[in-house]
């Protein structure tokens, strides 16, 4: 998972943390698809 995208920055932060915890890698985060 290279990038997570969500217009809601609070949801985006949560999802990035979830991905990092599960995969050991932190994806980039963007709000614009």
ModelCIF file with pLDDT and N, C-alpha, C, O atoms, coordinates in Angstrom:
data_MODEL
#
_entry.id   MODEL 
#
_entity.id                         1 
_entity.type                       polymer 
_entity.pdbx_number_of_molecules   1 
#
_entity_poly.entity_id                      1 
_entity_poly.type                           'polypeptide(L)' 
_entity_poly.nstd_linkage                   no 
_entity_poly.nstd_monomer                   no 
_entity_poly.pdbx_seq_one_letter_code       
;(UNK)(UNK)(UNK)(UNK)(UNK)(UNK)(UNK)(UNK)(UNK)(UNK)(UNK)(UNK)(UNK)(UNK)(UNK)(UNK)
(UNK)(UNK)(UNK)(UNK)(UNK)(UNK)(UNK)(UNK)(UNK)(UNK)(UNK)(UNK)(UNK)(UNK)(UNK)(UNK)
(UNK)
;
_entity_poly.pdbx_seq_one_letter_code_can   XXXXXXXXXXXXXXXXXXXXXXXXXXXXXXXXX 
_entity_poly.pdbx_strand_id                 A 
#
loop_
_entity_poly_seq.entity_id 
_entity_poly_seq.num 
_entity_poly_seq.mon_id 
_entity_poly_seq.hetero 
1 1  UNK n 
1 2  UNK n 
1 3  UNK n 
1 4  UNK n 
1 5  UNK n 
1 6  UNK n 
1 7  UNK n 
1 8  UNK n 
1 9  UNK n 
1 10 UNK n 
1 11 UNK n 
1 12 UNK n 
1 13 UNK n 
1 14 UNK n 
1 15 UNK n 
1 16 UNK n 
1 17 UNK n 
1 18 UNK n 
1 19 UNK n 
1 20 UNK n 
1 21 UNK n 
1 22 UNK n 
1 23 UNK n 
1 24 UNK n 
1 25 UNK n 
1 26 UNK n 
1 27 UNK n 
1 28 UNK n 
1 29 UNK n 
1 30 UNK n 
1 31 UNK n 
1 32 UNK n 
1 33 UNK n 
#
_struct_asym.id          A 
_struct_asym.entity_id   1 
#
loop_
_ma_qa_metric.id 
_ma_qa_metric.mode 
_ma_qa_metric.name 
_ma_qa_metric.software_group_id 
_ma_qa_metric.type 
1 global pLDDT . pLDDT 
2 local  pLDDT . pLDDT 
#
_ma_qa_metric_global.metric_id      1 
_ma_qa_metric_global.metric_value   97.12 
_ma_qa_metric_global.model_id       1 
_ma_qa_metric_global.ordinal_id     1 
#
loop_
_ma_qa_metric_local.label_asym_id 
_ma_qa_metric_local.label_comp_id 
_ma_qa_metric_local.label_seq_id 
_ma_qa_metric_local.metric_id 
_ma_qa_metric_local.metric_value 
_ma_qa_metric_local.model_id 
_ma_qa_metric_local.ordinal_id 
A UNK 1  2 96.00 1 1  
A UNK 2  2 96.00 1 2  
A UNK 3  2 98.00 1 3  
A UNK 4  2 98.00 1 4  
A UNK 5  2 97.00 1 5  
A UNK 6  2 96.00 1 6  
A UNK 7  2 94.00 1 7  
A UNK 8  2 96.00 1 8  
A UNK 9  2 97.00 1 9  
A UNK 10 2 97.00 1 10 
A UNK 11 2 96.00 1 11 
A UNK 12 2 97.00 1 12 
A UNK 13 2 97.00 1 13 
A UNK 14 2 98.00 1 14 
A UNK 15 2 97.00 1 15 
A UNK 16 2 98.00 1 16 
A UNK 17 2 98.00 1 17 
A UNK 18 2 98.00 1 18 
A UNK 19 2 98.00 1 19 
A UNK 20 2 98.00 1 20 
A UNK 21 2 98.00 1 21 
A UNK 22 2 97.00 1 22 
A UNK 23 2 97.00 1 23 
A UNK 24 2 97.00 1 24 
A UNK 25 2 97.00 1 25 
A UNK 26 2 98.00 1 26 
A UNK 27 2 98.00 1 27 
A UNK 28 2 97.00 1 28 
A UNK 29 2 98.00 1 29 
A UNK 30 2 98.00 1 30 
A UNK 31 2 97.00 1 31 
A UNK 32 2 97.00 1 32 
A UNK 33 2 96.00 1 33 
#
loop_
_atom_site.group_PDB 
_atom_site.id 
_atom_site.type_symbol 
_atom_site.label_atom_id 
_atom_site.label_alt_id 
_atom_site.label_comp_id 
_atom_site.label_asym_id 
_atom_site.label_entity_id 
_atom_site.label_seq_id 
_atom_site.pdbx_PDB_ins_code 
_atom_site.Cartn_x 
_atom_site.Cartn_y 
_atom_site.Cartn_z 
_atom_site.occupancy 
_atom_site.B_iso_or_equiv 
_atom_site.pdbx_formal_charge 
_atom_site.auth_seq_id 
_atom_site.auth_comp_id 
_atom_site.auth_asym_id 
_atom_site.auth_atom_id 
_atom_site.pdbx_PDB_model_num 
ATOM 1   N N  . UNK A 1 1  ? 0.874   -1.176 0.000  1.00 96.00 ? 1  UNK A N  1 
ATOM 2   C CA . UNK A 1 1  ? 0.000   0.000  0.000  1.00 96.00 ? 1  UNK A CA 1 
ATOM 3   C C  . UNK A 1 1  ? 0.909   1.222  0.000  1.00 96.00 ? 1  UNK A C  1 
ATOM 4   O O  . UNK A 1 1  ? 1.566   1.521  0.997  1.00 96.00 ? 1  UNK A O  1 
ATOM 5   N N  . UNK A 1 2  ? 0.937   1.917  -1.118 1.00 96.00 ? 2  UNK A N  1 
ATOM 6   C CA . UNK A 1 2  ? 1.842   3.045  -1.279 1.00 96.00 ? 2  UNK A CA 1 
ATOM 7   C C  . UNK A 1 2  ? 1.253   4.347  -0.759 1.00 96.00 ? 2  UNK A C  1 
ATOM 8   O O  . UNK A 1 2  ? 1.962   5.172  -0.182 1.00 96.00 ? 2  UNK A O  1 
ATOM 9   N N  . UNK A 1 3  ? -0.059  4.529  -0.967 1.00 98.00 ? 3  UNK A N  1 
ATOM 10  C CA . UNK A 1 3  ? -0.699  5.797  -0.637 1.00 98.00 ? 3  UNK A CA 1 
ATOM 11  C C  . UNK A 1 3  ? -2.109  5.549  -0.134 1.00 98.00 ? 3  UNK A C  1 
ATOM 12  O O  . UNK A 1 3  ? -2.827  4.693  -0.650 1.00 98.00 ? 3  UNK A O  1 
ATOM 13  N N  . UNK A 1 4  ? -2.489  6.304  0.873  1.00 98.00 ? 4  UNK A N  1 
ATOM 14  C CA . UNK A 1 4  ? -3.875  6.305  1.344  1.00 98.00 ? 4  UNK A CA 1 
ATOM 15  C C  . UNK A 1 4  ? -4.452  7.667  0.996  1.00 98.00 ? 4  UNK A C  1 
ATOM 16  O O  . UNK A 1 4  ? -3.764  8.684  1.080  1.00 98.00 ? 4  UNK A O  1 
ATOM 17  N N  . UNK A 1 5  ? -5.722  7.678  0.606  1.00 97.00 ? 5  UNK A N  1 
ATOM 18  C CA . UNK A 1 5  ? -6.358  8.915  0.182  1.00 97.00 ? 5  UNK A CA 1 
ATOM 19  C C  . UNK A 1 5  ? -7.746  9.024  0.802  1.00 97.00 ? 5  UNK A C  1 
ATOM 20  O O  . UNK A 1 5  ? -8.553  8.099  0.703  1.00 97.00 ? 5  UNK A O  1 
ATOM 21  N N  . UNK A 1 6  ? -8.016  10.149 1.436  1.00 96.00 ? 6  UNK A N  1 
ATOM 22  C CA . UNK A 1 6  ? -9.347  10.436 1.983  1.00 96.00 ? 6  UNK A CA 1 
ATOM 23  C C  . UNK A 1 6  ? -9.466  11.942 2.130  1.00 96.00 ? 6  UNK A C  1 
ATOM 24  O O  . UNK A 1 6  ? -8.500  12.606 2.506  1.00 96.00 ? 6  UNK A O  1 
ATOM 25  N N  . UNK A 1 7  ? -10.622 12.481 1.841  1.00 94.00 ? 7  UNK A N  1 
ATOM 26  C CA . UNK A 1 7  ? -10.809 13.925 1.971  1.00 94.00 ? 7  UNK A CA 1 
ATOM 27  C C  . UNK A 1 7  ? -10.872 14.356 3.433  1.00 94.00 ? 7  UNK A C  1 
ATOM 28  O O  . UNK A 1 7  ? -10.593 15.513 3.749  1.00 94.00 ? 7  UNK A O  1 
ATOM 29  N N  . UNK A 1 8  ? -11.230 13.451 4.316  1.00 96.00 ? 8  UNK A N  1 
ATOM 30  C CA . UNK A 1 8  ? -11.314 13.746 5.746  1.00 96.00 ? 8  UNK A CA 1 
ATOM 31  C C  . UNK A 1 8  ? -9.959  13.434 6.381  1.00 96.00 ? 8  UNK A C  1 
ATOM 32  O O  . UNK A 1 8  ? -9.585  12.268 6.513  1.00 96.00 ? 8  UNK A O  1 
ATOM 33  N N  . UNK A 1 9  ? -9.229  14.472 6.772  1.00 97.00 ? 9  UNK A N  1 
ATOM 34  C CA . UNK A 1 9  ? -7.876  14.282 7.275  1.00 97.00 ? 9  UNK A CA 1 
ATOM 35  C C  . UNK A 1 9  ? -7.819  13.455 8.556  1.00 97.00 ? 9  UNK A C  1 
ATOM 36  O O  . UNK A 1 9  ? -6.836  12.750 8.785  1.00 97.00 ? 9  UNK A O  1 
ATOM 37  N N  . UNK A 1 10 ? -8.851  13.527 9.393  1.00 97.00 ? 10 UNK A N  1 
ATOM 38  C CA . UNK A 1 10 ? -8.832  12.722 10.618 1.00 97.00 ? 10 UNK A CA 1 
ATOM 39  C C  . UNK A 1 10 ? -8.997  11.243 10.290 1.00 97.00 ? 10 UNK A C  1 
ATOM 40  O O  . UNK A 1 10 ? -8.346  10.398 10.904 1.00 97.00 ? 10 UNK A O  1 
ATOM 41  N N  . UNK A 1 11 ? -9.853  10.922 9.337  1.00 96.00 ? 11 UNK A N  1 
ATOM 42  C CA . UNK A 1 11 ? -10.000 9.537  8.889  1.00 96.00 ? 11 UNK A CA 1 
ATOM 43  C C  . UNK A 1 11 ? -8.704  9.076  8.229  1.00 96.00 ? 11 UNK A C  1 
ATOM 44  O O  . UNK A 1 11 ? -8.256  7.953  8.458  1.00 96.00 ? 11 UNK A O  1 
ATOM 45  N N  . UNK A 1 12 ? -8.116  9.919  7.430  1.00 97.00 ? 12 UNK A N  1 
ATOM 46  C CA . UNK A 1 12 ? -6.879  9.592  6.733  1.00 97.00 ? 12 UNK A CA 1 
ATOM 47  C C  . UNK A 1 12 ? -5.766  9.263  7.721  1.00 97.00 ? 12 UNK A C  1 
ATOM 48  O O  . UNK A 1 12 ? -5.063  8.267  7.545  1.00 97.00 ? 12 UNK A O  1 
ATOM 49  N N  . UNK A 1 13 ? -5.595  10.076 8.749  1.00 97.00 ? 13 UNK A N  1 
ATOM 50  C CA . UNK A 1 13 ? -4.570  9.810  9.766  1.00 97.00 ? 13 UNK A CA 1 
ATOM 51  C C  . UNK A 1 13 ? -4.794  8.462  10.433 1.00 97.00 ? 13 UNK A C  1 
ATOM 52  O O  . UNK A 1 13 ? -3.847  7.708  10.656 1.00 97.00 ? 13 UNK A O  1 
ATOM 53  N N  . UNK A 1 14 ? -6.052  8.161  10.749 1.00 98.00 ? 14 UNK A N  1 
ATOM 54  C CA . UNK A 1 14 ? -6.374  6.885  11.389 1.00 98.00 ? 14 UNK A CA 1 
ATOM 55  C C  . UNK A 1 14 ? -6.034  5.721  10.472 1.00 98.00 ? 14 UNK A C  1 
ATOM 56  O O  . UNK A 1 14 ? -5.438  4.738  10.913 1.00 98.00 ? 14 UNK A O  1 
ATOM 57  N N  . UNK A 1 15 ? -6.406  5.820  9.203  1.00 97.00 ? 15 UNK A N  1 
ATOM 58  C CA . UNK A 1 15 ? -6.152  4.731  8.256  1.00 97.00 ? 15 UNK A CA 1 
ATOM 59  C C  . UNK A 1 15 ? -4.657  4.536  8.017  1.00 97.00 ? 15 UNK A C  1 
ATOM 60  O O  . UNK A 1 15 ? -4.190  3.402  7.917  1.00 97.00 ? 15 UNK A O  1 
ATOM 61  N N  . UNK A 1 16 ? -3.908  5.627  7.924  1.00 98.00 ? 16 UNK A N  1 
ATOM 62  C CA . UNK A 1 16 ? -2.460  5.519  7.740  1.00 98.00 ? 16 UNK A CA 1 
ATOM 63  C C  . UNK A 1 16 ? -1.845  4.799  8.943  1.00 98.00 ? 16 UNK A C  1 
ATOM 64  O O  . UNK A 1 16 ? -0.974  3.945  8.778  1.00 98.00 ? 16 UNK A O  1 
ATOM 65  N N  . UNK A 1 17 ? -2.292  5.139  10.136 1.00 98.00 ? 17 UNK A N  1 
ATOM 66  C CA . UNK A 1 17 ? -1.803  4.459  11.344 1.00 98.00 ? 17 UNK A CA 1 
ATOM 67  C C  . UNK A 1 17 ? -2.161  2.983  11.324 1.00 98.00 ? 17 UNK A C  1 
ATOM 68  O O  . UNK A 1 17 ? -1.334  2.137  11.664 1.00 98.00 ? 17 UNK A O  1 
ATOM 69  N N  . UNK A 1 18 ? -3.391  2.668  10.925 1.00 98.00 ? 18 UNK A N  1 
ATOM 70  C CA . UNK A 1 18 ? -3.821  1.266  10.832 1.00 98.00 ? 18 UNK A CA 1 
ATOM 71  C C  . UNK A 1 18 ? -2.948  0.486  9.852  1.00 98.00 ? 18 UNK A C  1 
ATOM 72  O O  . UNK A 1 18 ? -2.516  -0.627 10.149 1.00 98.00 ? 18 UNK A O  1 
ATOM 73  N N  . UNK A 1 19 ? -2.695  1.067  8.697  1.00 98.00 ? 19 UNK A N  1 
ATOM 74  C CA . UNK A 1 19 ? -1.885  0.405  7.671  1.00 98.00 ? 19 UNK A CA 1 
ATOM 75  C C  . UNK A 1 19 ? -0.466  0.192  8.174  1.00 98.00 ? 19 UNK A C  1 
ATOM 76  O O  . UNK A 1 19 ? 0.111   -0.881 7.994  1.00 98.00 ? 19 UNK A O  1 
ATOM 77  N N  . UNK A 1 20 ? 0.091   1.214  8.802  1.00 98.00 ? 20 UNK A N  1 
ATOM 78  C CA . UNK A 1 20 ? 1.458   1.097  9.311  1.00 98.00 ? 20 UNK A CA 1 
ATOM 79  C C  . UNK A 1 20 ? 1.557   0.012  10.389 1.00 98.00 ? 20 UNK A C  1 
ATOM 80  O O  . UNK A 1 20 ? 2.512   -0.764 10.405 1.00 98.00 ? 20 UNK A O  1 
ATOM 81  N N  . UNK A 1 21 ? 0.588   -0.040 11.272 1.00 98.00 ? 21 UNK A N  1 
ATOM 82  C CA . UNK A 1 21 ? 0.582   -1.045 12.336 1.00 98.00 ? 21 UNK A CA 1 
ATOM 83  C C  . UNK A 1 21 ? 0.491   -2.457 11.752 1.00 98.00 ? 21 UNK A C  1 
ATOM 84  O O  . UNK A 1 21 ? 1.157   -3.371 12.237 1.00 98.00 ? 21 UNK A O  1 
ATOM 85  N N  . UNK A 1 22 ? -0.317  -2.636 10.731 1.00 97.00 ? 22 UNK A N  1 
ATOM 86  C CA . UNK A 1 22 ? -0.529  -3.974 10.165 1.00 97.00 ? 22 UNK A CA 1 
ATOM 87  C C  . UNK A 1 22 ? 0.565   -4.423 9.207  1.00 97.00 ? 22 UNK A C  1 
ATOM 88  O O  . UNK A 1 22 ? 0.851   -5.616 9.110  1.00 97.00 ? 22 UNK A O  1 
ATOM 89  N N  . UNK A 1 23 ? 1.183   -3.476 8.496  1.00 97.00 ? 23 UNK A N  1 
ATOM 90  C CA . UNK A 1 23 ? 2.156   -3.855 7.471  1.00 97.00 ? 23 UNK A CA 1 
ATOM 91  C C  . UNK A 1 23 ? 3.594   -3.521 7.843  1.00 97.00 ? 23 UNK A C  1 
ATOM 92  O O  . UNK A 1 23 ? 4.531   -4.054 7.249  1.00 97.00 ? 23 UNK A O  1 
ATOM 93  N N  . UNK A 1 24 ? 3.769   -2.647 8.815  1.00 97.00 ? 24 UNK A N  1 
ATOM 94  C CA . UNK A 1 24 ? 5.118   -2.210 9.164  1.00 97.00 ? 24 UNK A CA 1 
ATOM 95  C C  . UNK A 1 24 ? 5.647   -1.116 8.259  1.00 97.00 ? 24 UNK A C  1 
ATOM 96  O O  . UNK A 1 24 ? 6.788   -0.680 8.415  1.00 97.00 ? 24 UNK A O  1 
ATOM 97  N N  . UNK A 1 25 ? 4.843   -0.670 7.323  1.00 97.00 ? 25 UNK A N  1 
ATOM 98  C CA . UNK A 1 25 ? 5.225   0.414  6.399  1.00 97.00 ? 25 UNK A CA 1 
ATOM 99  C C  . UNK A 1 25 ? 4.181   1.519  6.452  1.00 97.00 ? 25 UNK A C  1 
ATOM 100 O O  . UNK A 1 25 ? 2.977   1.262  6.472  1.00 97.00 ? 25 UNK A O  1 
ATOM 101 N N  . UNK A 1 26 ? 4.666   2.743  6.474  1.00 98.00 ? 26 UNK A N  1 
ATOM 102 C CA . UNK A 1 26 ? 3.758   3.887  6.508  1.00 98.00 ? 26 UNK A CA 1 
ATOM 103 C C  . UNK A 1 26 ? 3.547   4.401  5.083  1.00 98.00 ? 26 UNK A C  1 
ATOM 104 O O  . UNK A 1 26 ? 4.499   4.828  4.430  1.00 98.00 ? 26 UNK A O  1 
ATOM 105 N N  . UNK A 1 27 ? 2.304   4.362  4.600  1.00 98.00 ? 27 UNK A N  1 
ATOM 106 C CA . UNK A 1 27 ? 2.043   4.883  3.253  1.00 98.00 ? 27 UNK A CA 1 
ATOM 107 C C  . UNK A 1 27 ? 2.018   6.409  3.264  1.00 98.00 ? 27 UNK A C  1 
ATOM 108 O O  . UNK A 1 27 ? 1.834   7.030  4.311  1.00 98.00 ? 27 UNK A O  1 
ATOM 109 N N  . UNK A 1 28 ? 2.205   6.998  2.102  1.00 97.00 ? 28 UNK A N  1 
ATOM 110 C CA . UNK A 1 28 ? 2.003   8.439  2.000  1.00 97.00 ? 28 UNK A CA 1 
ATOM 111 C C  . UNK A 1 28 ? 0.509   8.707  2.150  1.00 97.00 ? 28 UNK A C  1 
ATOM 112 O O  . UNK A 1 28 ? -0.314  7.805  1.994  1.00 97.00 ? 28 UNK A O  1 
ATOM 113 N N  . UNK A 1 29 ? 0.174   9.945  2.450  1.00 98.00 ? 29 UNK A N  1 
ATOM 114 C CA . UNK A 1 29 ? -1.227  10.312 2.678  1.00 98.00 ? 29 UNK A CA 1 
ATOM 115 C C  . UNK A 1 29 ? -1.565  11.539 1.849  1.00 98.00 ? 29 UNK A C  1 
ATOM 116 O O  . UNK A 1 29 ? -0.848  12.540 1.875  1.00 98.00 ? 29 UNK A O  1 
ATOM 117 N N  . UNK A 1 30 ? -2.672  11.449 1.108  1.00 98.00 ? 30 UNK A N  1 
ATOM 118 C CA . UNK A 1 30 ? -3.131  12.581 0.297  1.00 98.00 ? 30 UNK A CA 1 
ATOM 119 C C  . UNK A 1 30 ? -4.633  12.756 0.465  1.00 98.00 ? 30 UNK A C  1 
ATOM 120 O O  . UNK A 1 30 ? -5.358  11.796 0.727  1.00 98.00 ? 30 UNK A O  1 
ATOM 121 N N  . UNK A 1 31 ? -5.084  13.978 0.311  1.00 97.00 ? 31 UNK A N  1 
ATOM 122 C CA . UNK A 1 31 ? -6.521  14.258 0.398  1.00 97.00 ? 31 UNK A CA 1 
ATOM 123 C C  . UNK A 1 31 ? -7.137  14.491 -0.977 1.00 97.00 ? 31 UNK A C  1 
ATOM 124 O O  . UNK A 1 31 ? -8.354  14.635 -1.095 1.00 97.00 ? 31 UNK A O  1 
ATOM 125 N N  . UNK A 1 32 ? -6.319  14.530 -1.999 1.00 97.00 ? 32 UNK A N  1 
ATOM 126 C CA . UNK A 1 32 ? -6.798  14.788 -3.355 1.00 97.00 ? 32 UNK A CA 1 
ATOM 127 C C  . UNK A 1 32 ? -6.530  13.558 -4.234 1.00 97.00 ? 32 UNK A C  1 
ATOM 128 O O  . UNK A 1 32 ? -5.378  13.222 -4.507 1.00 97.00 ? 32 UNK A O  1 
ATOM 129 N N  . UNK A 1 33 ? -7.588  12.905 -4.665 1.00 96.00 ? 33 UNK A N  1 
ATOM 130 C CA . UNK A 1 33 ? -7.476  11.675 -5.458 1.00 96.00 ? 33 UNK A CA 1 
ATOM 131 C C  . UNK A 1 33 ? -6.681  11.884 -6.739 1.00 96.00 ? 33 UNK A C  1 
ATOM 132 O O  . UNK A 1 33 ? -6.499  10.944 -7.513 1.00 96.00 ? 33 UNK A O  1 
#
